[in-house]
Amino acid sequence: FNRKNNIGNKYFSWFNDKNYNLDTVSKYNRFTGYWQTIETLNQNKKFILDSFKRDSLFLEGINNQPTVGSTSLHIRRSDYINMKEELSLDYYKNALTYASQNIENFHYEIFTDDEKWVREQSIFQSATKLHPFKNTKENTKKSFISMLKNENFIIANSSYSLLASFVKENSNSTILYPDPWFKNLSYQKLNRDNWIPIVNN
């Protein structure tokens, strides 16, 4: 909704992700909702890339020429379990099956915030490397840069791996994404037309 509100004798406009209109933005504004869309990323790709390139380590990841078949697989669980939006094991089974059958020289490394769960699942034993995620600025950056060094992506329903695949995608890349993105929360389109949907049930 968009409405005028009064706080401290100052009026501000209140927008959500469905009613935003640049023409009605005022001096004071409040924005709520889910703002991530693939259109927004497409419109701002140059700005995103230019921002990353200011950092030498990000630039190294962007410029790195990945080996054929190298694939990043992202597993996000922790907070998503409470939200009931974690991806099922079947999503990853189906994604790995598709990737092994359709990506030349397929091999993959895992990025996750739930190392224990990953190690308990036999389907991930063929991973070449496991990157445990720690919620620190340094580790977040390091893991993201490592993701960028891959040619292909099996992404989670997370902006973290979505952005890595968006930034690094080239004509040889295969990108697999969960469909639907969320099962319980509303969302807008978060995939490109050439990306491959894998059922998320």
N, C-alpha and C. Protein backbone atom coordinates (compact mmCIF):
# COMPACT_ATOMS: atom_id res chain seq x y z
N PHE A 1 0.83 -1.19 0.00
CA PHE A 1 0.00 0.00 0.00
C PHE A 1 0.87 1.24 0.00
N ASN A 2 0.27 2.34 -0.38
CA ASN A 2 0.96 3.62 -0.40
C ASN A 2 0.09 4.58 0.37
N ARG A 3 0.60 5.13 1.44
CA ARG A 3 -0.21 6.03 2.22
C ARG A 3 0.68 7.07 2.88
N LYS A 4 0.06 8.15 3.28
CA LYS A 4 0.79 9.19 3.99
C LYS A 4 0.73 8.90 5.48
N ASN A 5 1.84 8.98 6.13
CA ASN A 5 1.93 8.70 7.55
C ASN A 5 2.60 9.87 8.25
N ASN A 6 2.28 10.03 9.51
CA ASN A 6 2.83 11.14 10.27
C ASN A 6 3.65 10.61 11.43
N ILE A 7 4.95 10.92 11.42
CA ILE A 7 5.82 10.59 12.55
C ILE A 7 6.64 11.83 12.88
N GLY A 8 6.52 12.30 14.10
CA GLY A 8 7.28 13.48 14.50
C GLY A 8 6.95 14.69 13.64
N ASN A 9 5.69 14.84 13.26
CA ASN A 9 5.22 15.95 12.43
C ASN A 9 5.84 15.97 11.04
N LYS A 10 6.38 14.80 10.61
CA LYS A 10 6.92 14.69 9.26
C LYS A 10 6.14 13.62 8.51
N TYR A 11 5.62 13.97 7.36
CA TYR A 11 4.85 13.02 6.56
C TYR A 11 5.78 12.25 5.63
N PHE A 12 5.51 10.97 5.48
CA PHE A 12 6.30 10.18 4.54
C PHE A 12 5.38 9.24 3.77
N SER A 13 5.82 8.86 2.57
CA SER A 13 5.07 7.91 1.75
C SER A 13 5.53 6.51 2.07
N TRP A 14 4.58 5.58 2.09
CA TRP A 14 4.88 4.19 2.44
C TRP A 14 4.59 3.32 1.23
N PHE A 15 5.64 2.67 0.71
CA PHE A 15 5.51 1.85 -0.49
C PHE A 15 5.83 0.39 -0.18
N ASN A 16 5.22 -0.51 -0.92
CA ASN A 16 5.69 -1.89 -0.92
C ASN A 16 6.16 -2.24 -2.32
N ASP A 17 6.61 -3.50 -2.52
CA ASP A 17 7.22 -3.88 -3.79
C ASP A 17 6.23 -3.96 -4.93
N LYS A 18 4.92 -3.85 -4.66
CA LYS A 18 3.93 -3.97 -5.73
C LYS A 18 3.36 -2.62 -6.17
N ASN A 19 3.49 -1.59 -5.34
CA ASN A 19 2.86 -0.31 -5.71
C ASN A 19 3.86 0.83 -5.90
N TYR A 20 5.14 0.48 -5.90
CA TYR A 20 6.18 1.51 -6.02
C TYR A 20 6.06 2.26 -7.34
N ASN A 21 6.11 3.58 -7.24
CA ASN A 21 6.06 4.44 -8.42
C ASN A 21 7.01 5.60 -8.19
N LEU A 22 8.01 5.72 -9.04
CA LEU A 22 9.03 6.75 -8.86
C LEU A 22 8.43 8.15 -8.85
N ASP A 23 7.33 8.34 -9.58
CA ASP A 23 6.72 9.67 -9.68
C ASP A 23 6.07 10.12 -8.37
N THR A 24 5.77 9.18 -7.49
CA THR A 24 5.10 9.55 -6.25
C THR A 24 6.01 9.50 -5.03
N VAL A 25 7.29 9.28 -5.26
CA VAL A 25 8.25 9.28 -4.15
C VAL A 25 8.37 10.70 -3.60
N SER A 26 8.35 10.82 -2.28
CA SER A 26 8.43 12.14 -1.65
C SER A 26 9.78 12.33 -0.96
N LYS A 27 9.91 13.37 -0.19
CA LYS A 27 11.17 13.63 0.49
C LYS A 27 11.45 12.56 1.53
N TYR A 28 10.39 12.12 2.23
CA TYR A 28 10.52 11.08 3.24
C TYR A 28 9.71 9.87 2.80
N ASN A 29 10.35 8.69 2.79
CA ASN A 29 9.70 7.49 2.28
C ASN A 29 10.03 6.29 3.15
N ARG A 30 9.11 5.33 3.14
CA ARG A 30 9.36 4.05 3.79
C ARG A 30 9.08 2.96 2.75
N PHE A 31 10.01 1.99 2.64
CA PHE A 31 9.87 0.92 1.65
C PHE A 31 9.86 -0.42 2.36
N THR A 32 8.83 -1.22 2.11
CA THR A 32 8.74 -2.56 2.67
C THR A 32 8.41 -3.53 1.55
N GLY A 33 8.64 -4.83 1.79
CA GLY A 33 8.28 -5.83 0.78
C GLY A 33 9.49 -6.58 0.27
N TYR A 34 9.25 -7.40 -0.76
CA TYR A 34 10.30 -8.22 -1.37
C TYR A 34 10.68 -7.58 -2.70
N TRP A 35 11.85 -6.98 -2.77
CA TRP A 35 12.21 -6.12 -3.89
C TRP A 35 13.10 -6.80 -4.92
N GLN A 36 13.47 -8.03 -4.70
CA GLN A 36 14.38 -8.69 -5.62
C GLN A 36 13.63 -9.16 -6.87
N THR A 37 14.08 -8.73 -8.02
CA THR A 37 13.54 -9.21 -9.30
C THR A 37 14.68 -9.33 -10.30
N ILE A 38 14.52 -10.21 -11.27
CA ILE A 38 15.56 -10.36 -12.28
C ILE A 38 15.63 -9.12 -13.16
N GLU A 39 14.49 -8.43 -13.33
CA GLU A 39 14.48 -7.20 -14.14
C GLU A 39 15.35 -6.12 -13.50
N THR A 40 15.27 -6.01 -12.17
CA THR A 40 16.09 -5.02 -11.46
C THR A 40 17.57 -5.33 -11.64
N LEU A 41 17.94 -6.60 -11.57
CA LEU A 41 19.33 -6.98 -11.78
C LEU A 41 19.77 -6.68 -13.20
N ASN A 42 18.92 -7.02 -14.17
CA ASN A 42 19.26 -6.76 -15.57
C ASN A 42 19.49 -5.28 -15.83
N GLN A 43 18.63 -4.46 -15.25
CA GLN A 43 18.74 -3.01 -15.47
C GLN A 43 19.98 -2.40 -14.82
N ASN A 44 20.50 -3.08 -13.83
CA ASN A 44 21.62 -2.52 -13.07
C ASN A 44 22.89 -3.36 -13.15
N LYS A 45 22.99 -4.23 -14.16
CA LYS A 45 24.14 -5.13 -14.23
C LYS A 45 25.46 -4.37 -14.35
N LYS A 46 25.51 -3.34 -15.16
CA LYS A 46 26.75 -2.58 -15.32
C LYS A 46 27.17 -1.96 -13.99
N PHE A 47 26.22 -1.40 -13.26
CA PHE A 47 26.53 -0.80 -11.95
C PHE A 47 27.05 -1.87 -10.99
N ILE A 48 26.41 -3.05 -10.99
CA ILE A 48 26.83 -4.14 -10.10
C ILE A 48 28.26 -4.57 -10.43
N LEU A 49 28.52 -4.80 -11.73
CA LEU A 49 29.85 -5.24 -12.14
C LEU A 49 30.91 -4.18 -11.83
N ASP A 50 30.59 -2.92 -12.13
CA ASP A 50 31.55 -1.84 -11.85
C ASP A 50 31.86 -1.75 -10.36
N SER A 51 30.85 -1.99 -9.52
CA SER A 51 31.05 -1.95 -8.07
C SER A 51 31.97 -3.08 -7.62
N PHE A 52 31.73 -4.29 -8.15
CA PHE A 52 32.59 -5.42 -7.80
C PHE A 52 34.03 -5.20 -8.26
N LYS A 53 34.19 -4.62 -9.43
CA LYS A 53 35.52 -4.49 -10.01
C LYS A 53 36.41 -3.50 -9.27
N ARG A 54 35.83 -2.73 -8.36
CA ARG A 54 36.64 -1.82 -7.56
C ARG A 54 37.47 -2.56 -6.51
N ASP A 55 37.07 -3.81 -6.26
CA ASP A 55 37.79 -4.64 -5.29
C ASP A 55 38.63 -5.66 -6.06
N SER A 56 39.92 -5.72 -5.78
CA SER A 56 40.83 -6.56 -6.56
C SER A 56 40.47 -8.04 -6.46
N LEU A 57 39.98 -8.49 -5.30
CA LEU A 57 39.64 -9.90 -5.14
C LEU A 57 38.37 -10.26 -5.91
N PHE A 58 37.37 -9.37 -5.86
CA PHE A 58 36.17 -9.60 -6.66
C PHE A 58 36.52 -9.60 -8.14
N LEU A 59 37.40 -8.69 -8.54
CA LEU A 59 37.81 -8.60 -9.93
C LEU A 59 38.49 -9.89 -10.37
N GLU A 60 39.29 -10.47 -9.48
CA GLU A 60 39.96 -11.74 -9.78
C GLU A 60 38.92 -12.83 -10.04
N GLY A 61 37.88 -12.87 -9.22
CA GLY A 61 36.84 -13.87 -9.39
C GLY A 61 36.06 -13.68 -10.67
N ILE A 62 35.76 -12.44 -11.01
CA ILE A 62 35.01 -12.14 -12.22
C ILE A 62 35.83 -12.48 -13.46
N ASN A 63 37.12 -12.16 -13.44
CA ASN A 63 37.97 -12.39 -14.61
C ASN A 63 38.49 -13.82 -14.72
N ASN A 64 38.37 -14.59 -13.67
CA ASN A 64 38.87 -15.96 -13.68
C ASN A 64 38.17 -16.79 -14.78
N GLN A 65 38.96 -17.52 -15.55
CA GLN A 65 38.41 -18.40 -16.59
C GLN A 65 38.16 -19.78 -15.98
N PRO A 66 36.91 -20.13 -15.74
CA PRO A 66 36.62 -21.40 -15.07
C PRO A 66 36.93 -22.60 -15.94
N THR A 67 37.23 -23.73 -15.32
CA THR A 67 37.44 -24.95 -16.08
C THR A 67 36.11 -25.47 -16.57
N VAL A 68 36.14 -26.16 -17.69
CA VAL A 68 34.92 -26.71 -18.28
C VAL A 68 34.25 -27.67 -17.30
N GLY A 69 32.96 -27.46 -17.08
CA GLY A 69 32.20 -28.35 -16.21
C GLY A 69 32.19 -27.97 -14.74
N SER A 70 33.03 -27.02 -14.34
CA SER A 70 33.07 -26.63 -12.92
C SER A 70 31.73 -26.01 -12.52
N THR A 71 31.22 -26.44 -11.36
CA THR A 71 29.87 -26.05 -10.95
C THR A 71 29.83 -25.71 -9.47
N SER A 72 29.15 -24.62 -9.16
CA SER A 72 28.91 -24.23 -7.77
C SER A 72 27.53 -24.71 -7.37
N LEU A 73 27.44 -25.39 -6.23
CA LEU A 73 26.16 -25.85 -5.69
C LEU A 73 25.97 -25.20 -4.33
N HIS A 74 24.88 -24.45 -4.17
CA HIS A 74 24.65 -23.69 -2.94
C HIS A 74 23.52 -24.34 -2.13
N ILE A 75 23.78 -24.55 -0.85
CA ILE A 75 22.79 -25.10 0.07
C ILE A 75 22.65 -24.15 1.25
N ARG A 76 21.47 -23.53 1.35
CA ARG A 76 21.18 -22.64 2.48
C ARG A 76 20.07 -23.27 3.32
N ARG A 77 20.34 -23.42 4.62
CA ARG A 77 19.34 -24.07 5.46
C ARG A 77 19.02 -23.25 6.72
N SER A 78 19.96 -23.04 7.60
CA SER A 78 19.78 -22.40 8.91
C SER A 78 18.48 -21.60 9.07
N ASP A 79 18.44 -20.33 8.66
CA ASP A 79 17.26 -19.51 8.85
C ASP A 79 16.09 -19.96 8.00
N TYR A 80 16.38 -20.62 6.88
CA TYR A 80 15.30 -21.07 5.99
C TYR A 80 14.50 -22.22 6.60
N ILE A 81 15.10 -22.98 7.49
CA ILE A 81 14.37 -24.06 8.14
C ILE A 81 13.23 -23.48 8.98
N ASN A 82 13.52 -22.44 9.73
CA ASN A 82 12.48 -21.78 10.53
C ASN A 82 11.41 -21.14 9.66
N MET A 83 11.81 -20.68 8.47
CA MET A 83 10.86 -20.08 7.53
C MET A 83 10.10 -21.14 6.72
N LYS A 84 10.53 -22.40 6.86
CA LYS A 84 9.98 -23.52 6.08
C LYS A 84 10.17 -23.30 4.57
N GLU A 85 11.33 -22.76 4.21
CA GLU A 85 11.66 -22.50 2.81
C GLU A 85 12.95 -23.19 2.38
N GLU A 86 13.47 -24.12 3.24
CA GLU A 86 14.68 -24.84 2.83
C GLU A 86 14.35 -25.75 1.64
N LEU A 87 15.31 -25.92 0.76
CA LEU A 87 15.10 -26.79 -0.41
C LEU A 87 15.22 -28.25 0.01
N SER A 88 14.42 -29.09 -0.62
CA SER A 88 14.42 -30.51 -0.27
C SER A 88 15.63 -31.22 -0.85
N LEU A 89 15.92 -32.38 -0.30
CA LEU A 89 16.99 -33.21 -0.82
C LEU A 89 16.68 -33.61 -2.26
N ASP A 90 15.40 -33.79 -2.57
CA ASP A 90 15.01 -34.15 -3.94
C ASP A 90 15.38 -33.07 -4.95
N TYR A 91 15.30 -31.81 -4.54
CA TYR A 91 15.72 -30.73 -5.44
C TYR A 91 17.17 -30.94 -5.86
N TYR A 92 18.02 -31.22 -4.88
CA TYR A 92 19.44 -31.40 -5.18
C TYR A 92 19.71 -32.70 -5.94
N LYS A 93 18.98 -33.75 -5.62
CA LYS A 93 19.11 -35.00 -6.37
C LYS A 93 18.78 -34.77 -7.84
N ASN A 94 17.67 -34.11 -8.10
CA ASN A 94 17.25 -33.88 -9.49
C ASN A 94 18.19 -32.92 -10.21
N ALA A 95 18.68 -31.92 -9.48
CA ALA A 95 19.62 -30.97 -10.08
C ALA A 95 20.94 -31.67 -10.44
N LEU A 96 21.43 -32.50 -9.54
CA LEU A 96 22.68 -33.22 -9.81
C LEU A 96 22.51 -34.21 -10.96
N THR A 97 21.37 -34.85 -11.03
CA THR A 97 21.10 -35.78 -12.14
C THR A 97 21.09 -35.03 -13.46
N TYR A 98 20.38 -33.90 -13.50
CA TYR A 98 20.33 -33.11 -14.74
C TYR A 98 21.74 -32.64 -15.11
N ALA A 99 22.46 -32.12 -14.14
CA ALA A 99 23.79 -31.58 -14.42
C ALA A 99 24.73 -32.66 -14.93
N SER A 100 24.71 -33.84 -14.32
CA SER A 100 25.62 -34.91 -14.74
C SER A 100 25.32 -35.40 -16.15
N GLN A 101 24.07 -35.27 -16.56
CA GLN A 101 23.67 -35.73 -17.89
C GLN A 101 23.81 -34.66 -18.97
N ASN A 102 23.91 -33.40 -18.57
CA ASN A 102 23.88 -32.31 -19.56
C ASN A 102 25.07 -31.36 -19.53
N ILE A 103 25.95 -31.50 -18.55
CA ILE A 103 27.11 -30.61 -18.48
C ILE A 103 28.36 -31.43 -18.77
N GLU A 104 29.10 -31.00 -19.77
CA GLU A 104 30.35 -31.70 -20.14
C GLU A 104 31.35 -31.63 -19.01
N ASN A 105 31.97 -32.77 -18.69
CA ASN A 105 32.99 -32.84 -17.64
C ASN A 105 32.48 -32.28 -16.31
N PHE A 106 31.24 -32.60 -15.98
CA PHE A 106 30.60 -32.06 -14.77
C PHE A 106 31.35 -32.44 -13.50
N HIS A 107 31.66 -31.45 -12.70
CA HIS A 107 32.18 -31.64 -11.35
C HIS A 107 31.75 -30.42 -10.54
N TYR A 108 31.60 -30.60 -9.23
CA TYR A 108 31.01 -29.52 -8.46
C TYR A 108 31.60 -29.40 -7.06
N GLU A 109 31.47 -28.19 -6.52
CA GLU A 109 31.85 -27.92 -5.14
C GLU A 109 30.65 -27.31 -4.43
N ILE A 110 30.56 -27.55 -3.13
CA ILE A 110 29.39 -27.15 -2.35
C ILE A 110 29.70 -25.95 -1.45
N PHE A 111 28.75 -25.02 -1.40
CA PHE A 111 28.82 -23.87 -0.51
C PHE A 111 27.60 -23.96 0.41
N THR A 112 27.82 -24.01 1.72
CA THR A 112 26.68 -24.26 2.61
C THR A 112 26.86 -23.65 3.99
N ASP A 113 25.72 -23.37 4.64
CA ASP A 113 25.72 -22.92 6.03
C ASP A 113 25.37 -24.08 6.96
N ASP A 114 25.26 -25.29 6.42
CA ASP A 114 24.91 -26.46 7.23
C ASP A 114 25.82 -27.64 6.85
N GLU A 115 27.08 -27.53 7.25
CA GLU A 115 28.08 -28.54 6.89
C GLU A 115 27.68 -29.93 7.40
N LYS A 116 27.16 -30.00 8.62
CA LYS A 116 26.79 -31.29 9.22
C LYS A 116 25.76 -32.01 8.36
N TRP A 117 24.70 -31.30 7.97
CA TRP A 117 23.64 -31.91 7.16
C TRP A 117 24.18 -32.40 5.82
N VAL A 118 25.02 -31.59 5.20
CA VAL A 118 25.58 -31.96 3.90
C VAL A 118 26.40 -33.25 4.01
N ARG A 119 27.22 -33.33 5.05
CA ARG A 119 28.08 -34.52 5.21
C ARG A 119 27.26 -35.78 5.50
N GLU A 120 26.05 -35.61 5.99
CA GLU A 120 25.18 -36.75 6.29
C GLU A 120 24.45 -37.29 5.05
N GLN A 121 24.48 -36.54 3.96
CA GLN A 121 23.73 -36.93 2.76
C GLN A 121 24.67 -37.59 1.75
N SER A 122 24.39 -38.84 1.42
CA SER A 122 25.29 -39.60 0.54
C SER A 122 25.36 -39.02 -0.87
N ILE A 123 24.33 -38.30 -1.30
CA ILE A 123 24.33 -37.79 -2.68
C ILE A 123 25.41 -36.74 -2.92
N PHE A 124 25.95 -36.18 -1.85
CA PHE A 124 26.96 -35.12 -2.00
C PHE A 124 28.39 -35.64 -1.89
N GLN A 125 28.58 -36.93 -1.80
CA GLN A 125 29.91 -37.48 -1.59
C GLN A 125 30.85 -37.25 -2.77
N SER A 126 30.27 -37.00 -3.93
CA SER A 126 31.11 -36.80 -5.12
C SER A 126 31.59 -35.36 -5.27
N ALA A 127 31.20 -34.47 -4.36
CA ALA A 127 31.66 -33.08 -4.44
C ALA A 127 33.18 -33.01 -4.33
N THR A 128 33.80 -32.15 -5.11
CA THR A 128 35.25 -32.03 -5.07
C THR A 128 35.74 -31.19 -3.90
N LYS A 129 34.85 -30.33 -3.37
CA LYS A 129 35.24 -29.48 -2.25
C LYS A 129 33.99 -29.02 -1.51
N LEU A 130 34.14 -28.80 -0.22
CA LEU A 130 33.04 -28.29 0.60
C LEU A 130 33.48 -26.99 1.26
N HIS A 131 32.71 -25.93 1.03
CA HIS A 131 33.00 -24.63 1.61
C HIS A 131 31.98 -24.35 2.72
N PRO A 132 32.32 -24.58 3.99
CA PRO A 132 31.39 -24.25 5.08
C PRO A 132 31.25 -22.73 5.20
N PHE A 133 30.04 -22.28 5.38
CA PHE A 133 29.78 -20.85 5.46
C PHE A 133 29.78 -20.38 6.91
N LYS A 134 30.54 -19.33 7.17
CA LYS A 134 30.54 -18.69 8.48
C LYS A 134 30.05 -17.26 8.29
N ASN A 135 29.20 -16.83 9.19
CA ASN A 135 28.54 -15.53 9.04
C ASN A 135 29.46 -14.39 9.47
N THR A 136 30.54 -14.23 8.71
CA THR A 136 31.44 -13.11 8.93
C THR A 136 31.65 -12.41 7.59
N LYS A 137 32.01 -11.16 7.64
CA LYS A 137 32.23 -10.39 6.42
C LYS A 137 33.31 -11.02 5.55
N GLU A 138 34.40 -11.45 6.19
CA GLU A 138 35.53 -12.03 5.45
C GLU A 138 35.13 -13.34 4.76
N ASN A 139 34.44 -14.22 5.50
CA ASN A 139 34.05 -15.51 4.93
C ASN A 139 32.99 -15.35 3.84
N THR A 140 32.04 -14.44 4.05
CA THR A 140 31.00 -14.19 3.04
C THR A 140 31.63 -13.77 1.73
N LYS A 141 32.60 -12.88 1.80
CA LYS A 141 33.29 -12.40 0.61
C LYS A 141 34.11 -13.50 -0.04
N LYS A 142 34.86 -14.25 0.78
CA LYS A 142 35.72 -15.31 0.26
C LYS A 142 34.90 -16.38 -0.45
N SER A 143 33.78 -16.79 0.15
CA SER A 143 32.94 -17.82 -0.46
C SER A 143 32.32 -17.34 -1.75
N PHE A 144 31.89 -16.09 -1.77
CA PHE A 144 31.28 -15.53 -2.98
C PHE A 144 32.28 -15.51 -4.13
N ILE A 145 33.50 -15.10 -3.84
CA ILE A 145 34.55 -15.06 -4.86
C ILE A 145 34.85 -16.47 -5.37
N SER A 146 34.85 -17.45 -4.48
CA SER A 146 35.06 -18.85 -4.89
C SER A 146 33.93 -19.32 -5.79
N MET A 147 32.71 -18.91 -5.49
CA MET A 147 31.57 -19.24 -6.37
C MET A 147 31.80 -18.71 -7.78
N LEU A 148 32.32 -17.49 -7.85
CA LEU A 148 32.51 -16.84 -9.15
C LEU A 148 33.52 -17.57 -10.03
N LYS A 149 34.29 -18.46 -9.46
CA LYS A 149 35.32 -19.16 -10.23
C LYS A 149 34.78 -20.41 -10.92
N ASN A 150 33.45 -20.58 -10.88
CA ASN A 150 32.82 -21.71 -11.54
C ASN A 150 32.12 -21.29 -12.84
N GLU A 151 31.93 -22.28 -13.70
CA GLU A 151 31.27 -22.04 -14.98
C GLU A 151 29.76 -22.18 -14.87
N ASN A 152 29.30 -23.10 -14.03
CA ASN A 152 27.88 -23.43 -13.91
C ASN A 152 27.42 -23.29 -12.46
N PHE A 153 26.10 -23.21 -12.28
CA PHE A 153 25.57 -22.94 -10.94
C PHE A 153 24.30 -23.73 -10.68
N ILE A 154 24.26 -24.41 -9.55
CA ILE A 154 23.03 -24.97 -9.00
C ILE A 154 22.72 -24.09 -7.81
N ILE A 155 21.76 -23.18 -7.97
CA ILE A 155 21.56 -22.16 -6.96
C ILE A 155 20.48 -22.55 -5.96
N ALA A 156 20.57 -21.98 -4.79
CA ALA A 156 19.51 -22.11 -3.79
C ALA A 156 18.54 -20.95 -4.01
N ASN A 157 17.45 -20.95 -3.27
CA ASN A 157 16.49 -19.85 -3.35
C ASN A 157 17.00 -18.69 -2.49
N SER A 158 18.15 -18.21 -2.85
CA SER A 158 18.88 -17.22 -2.07
C SER A 158 19.55 -16.21 -3.00
N SER A 159 19.51 -14.95 -2.62
CA SER A 159 20.14 -13.92 -3.46
C SER A 159 21.65 -14.09 -3.52
N TYR A 160 22.23 -14.82 -2.58
CA TYR A 160 23.69 -15.02 -2.54
C TYR A 160 24.16 -15.77 -3.79
N SER A 161 23.62 -16.95 -4.02
CA SER A 161 24.04 -17.71 -5.21
C SER A 161 23.37 -17.18 -6.47
N LEU A 162 22.19 -16.57 -6.33
CA LEU A 162 21.55 -15.94 -7.49
C LEU A 162 22.46 -14.87 -8.08
N LEU A 163 23.01 -14.01 -7.22
CA LEU A 163 23.86 -12.92 -7.69
C LEU A 163 25.16 -13.44 -8.28
N ALA A 164 25.74 -14.47 -7.67
CA ALA A 164 26.98 -15.05 -8.21
C ALA A 164 26.76 -15.58 -9.61
N SER A 165 25.67 -16.31 -9.82
CA SER A 165 25.39 -16.87 -11.14
C SER A 165 25.07 -15.77 -12.14
N PHE A 166 24.36 -14.75 -11.70
CA PHE A 166 23.99 -13.63 -12.57
C PHE A 166 25.23 -12.89 -13.05
N VAL A 167 26.18 -12.66 -12.13
CA VAL A 167 27.39 -11.91 -12.46
C VAL A 167 28.31 -12.71 -13.38
N LYS A 168 28.44 -14.03 -13.14
CA LYS A 168 29.46 -14.82 -13.83
C LYS A 168 28.94 -15.55 -15.07
N GLU A 169 27.65 -15.60 -15.27
CA GLU A 169 27.08 -16.36 -16.39
C GLU A 169 27.69 -15.95 -17.73
N ASN A 170 28.04 -16.95 -18.55
CA ASN A 170 28.45 -16.69 -19.92
C ASN A 170 27.72 -17.65 -20.84
N SER A 171 28.06 -17.63 -22.11
CA SER A 171 27.31 -18.42 -23.10
C SER A 171 27.43 -19.92 -22.87
N ASN A 172 28.44 -20.35 -22.13
CA ASN A 172 28.63 -21.78 -21.86
C ASN A 172 28.01 -22.24 -20.54
N SER A 173 27.48 -21.31 -19.78
CA SER A 173 27.00 -21.64 -18.44
C SER A 173 25.64 -22.34 -18.47
N THR A 174 25.49 -23.26 -17.53
CA THR A 174 24.19 -23.86 -17.24
C THR A 174 23.83 -23.47 -15.81
N ILE A 175 22.65 -22.89 -15.66
CA ILE A 175 22.21 -22.44 -14.34
C ILE A 175 20.88 -23.11 -14.00
N LEU A 176 20.87 -23.84 -12.90
CA LEU A 176 19.68 -24.55 -12.43
C LEU A 176 19.13 -23.81 -11.21
N TYR A 177 17.81 -23.62 -11.19
CA TYR A 177 17.20 -22.88 -10.08
C TYR A 177 15.94 -23.58 -9.59
N PRO A 178 15.54 -23.36 -8.32
CA PRO A 178 14.35 -24.01 -7.77
C PRO A 178 13.06 -23.37 -8.28
N ASP A 179 12.11 -24.22 -8.65
CA ASP A 179 10.82 -23.75 -9.14
C ASP A 179 9.70 -24.53 -8.42
N PRO A 180 8.92 -23.86 -7.55
CA PRO A 180 8.92 -22.41 -7.29
C PRO A 180 10.11 -21.99 -6.42
N TRP A 181 10.42 -20.71 -6.50
CA TRP A 181 11.51 -20.15 -5.70
C TRP A 181 11.21 -20.31 -4.21
N PHE A 182 10.04 -19.87 -3.81
CA PHE A 182 9.54 -20.07 -2.45
C PHE A 182 8.24 -20.85 -2.51
N LYS A 183 7.96 -21.63 -1.48
CA LYS A 183 6.72 -22.40 -1.42
C LYS A 183 5.64 -21.67 -0.62
N ASN A 184 6.05 -20.81 0.30
CA ASN A 184 5.09 -20.17 1.19
C ASN A 184 5.10 -18.64 1.10
N LEU A 185 6.17 -18.07 0.62
CA LEU A 185 6.29 -16.62 0.54
C LEU A 185 6.05 -16.14 -0.89
N SER A 186 5.54 -14.94 -1.02
CA SER A 186 5.35 -14.37 -2.35
C SER A 186 6.69 -13.88 -2.90
N TYR A 187 6.82 -13.86 -4.21
CA TYR A 187 8.06 -13.42 -4.85
C TYR A 187 7.77 -13.06 -6.30
N GLN A 188 8.67 -12.32 -6.89
CA GLN A 188 8.57 -11.99 -8.30
C GLN A 188 9.60 -12.81 -9.08
N LYS A 189 9.57 -12.70 -10.40
CA LYS A 189 10.44 -13.53 -11.23
C LYS A 189 11.91 -13.31 -10.87
N LEU A 190 12.61 -14.43 -10.61
CA LEU A 190 14.00 -14.36 -10.19
C LEU A 190 14.90 -15.23 -11.05
N ASN A 191 14.48 -15.50 -12.27
CA ASN A 191 15.30 -16.32 -13.17
C ASN A 191 15.30 -15.73 -14.57
N ARG A 192 16.36 -16.00 -15.29
CA ARG A 192 16.38 -15.65 -16.71
C ARG A 192 15.72 -16.78 -17.50
N ASP A 193 15.26 -16.44 -18.71
CA ASP A 193 14.51 -17.41 -19.50
C ASP A 193 15.34 -18.63 -19.89
N ASN A 194 16.66 -18.48 -19.99
CA ASN A 194 17.50 -19.60 -20.41
C ASN A 194 17.95 -20.48 -19.23
N TRP A 195 17.58 -20.10 -18.00
CA TRP A 195 17.94 -20.92 -16.85
C TRP A 195 17.01 -22.12 -16.78
N ILE A 196 17.47 -23.18 -16.16
CA ILE A 196 16.74 -24.46 -16.14
C ILE A 196 16.02 -24.62 -14.79
N PRO A 197 14.68 -24.75 -14.82
CA PRO A 197 13.95 -24.95 -13.57
C PRO A 197 14.04 -26.40 -13.08
N ILE A 198 14.24 -26.55 -11.80
CA ILE A 198 14.21 -27.86 -11.15
C ILE A 198 13.11 -27.81 -10.09
N VAL A 199 12.23 -28.79 -10.12
CA VAL A 199 11.06 -28.77 -9.25
C VAL A 199 11.46 -28.68 -7.77
N ASN A 200 10.86 -27.74 -7.07
CA ASN A 200 11.05 -27.57 -5.64
C ASN A 200 9.74 -27.96 -4.95
N ASN A 201 9.68 -29.19 -4.43
CA ASN A 201 8.43 -29.62 -3.78
C ASN A 201 8.68 -30.11 -2.36
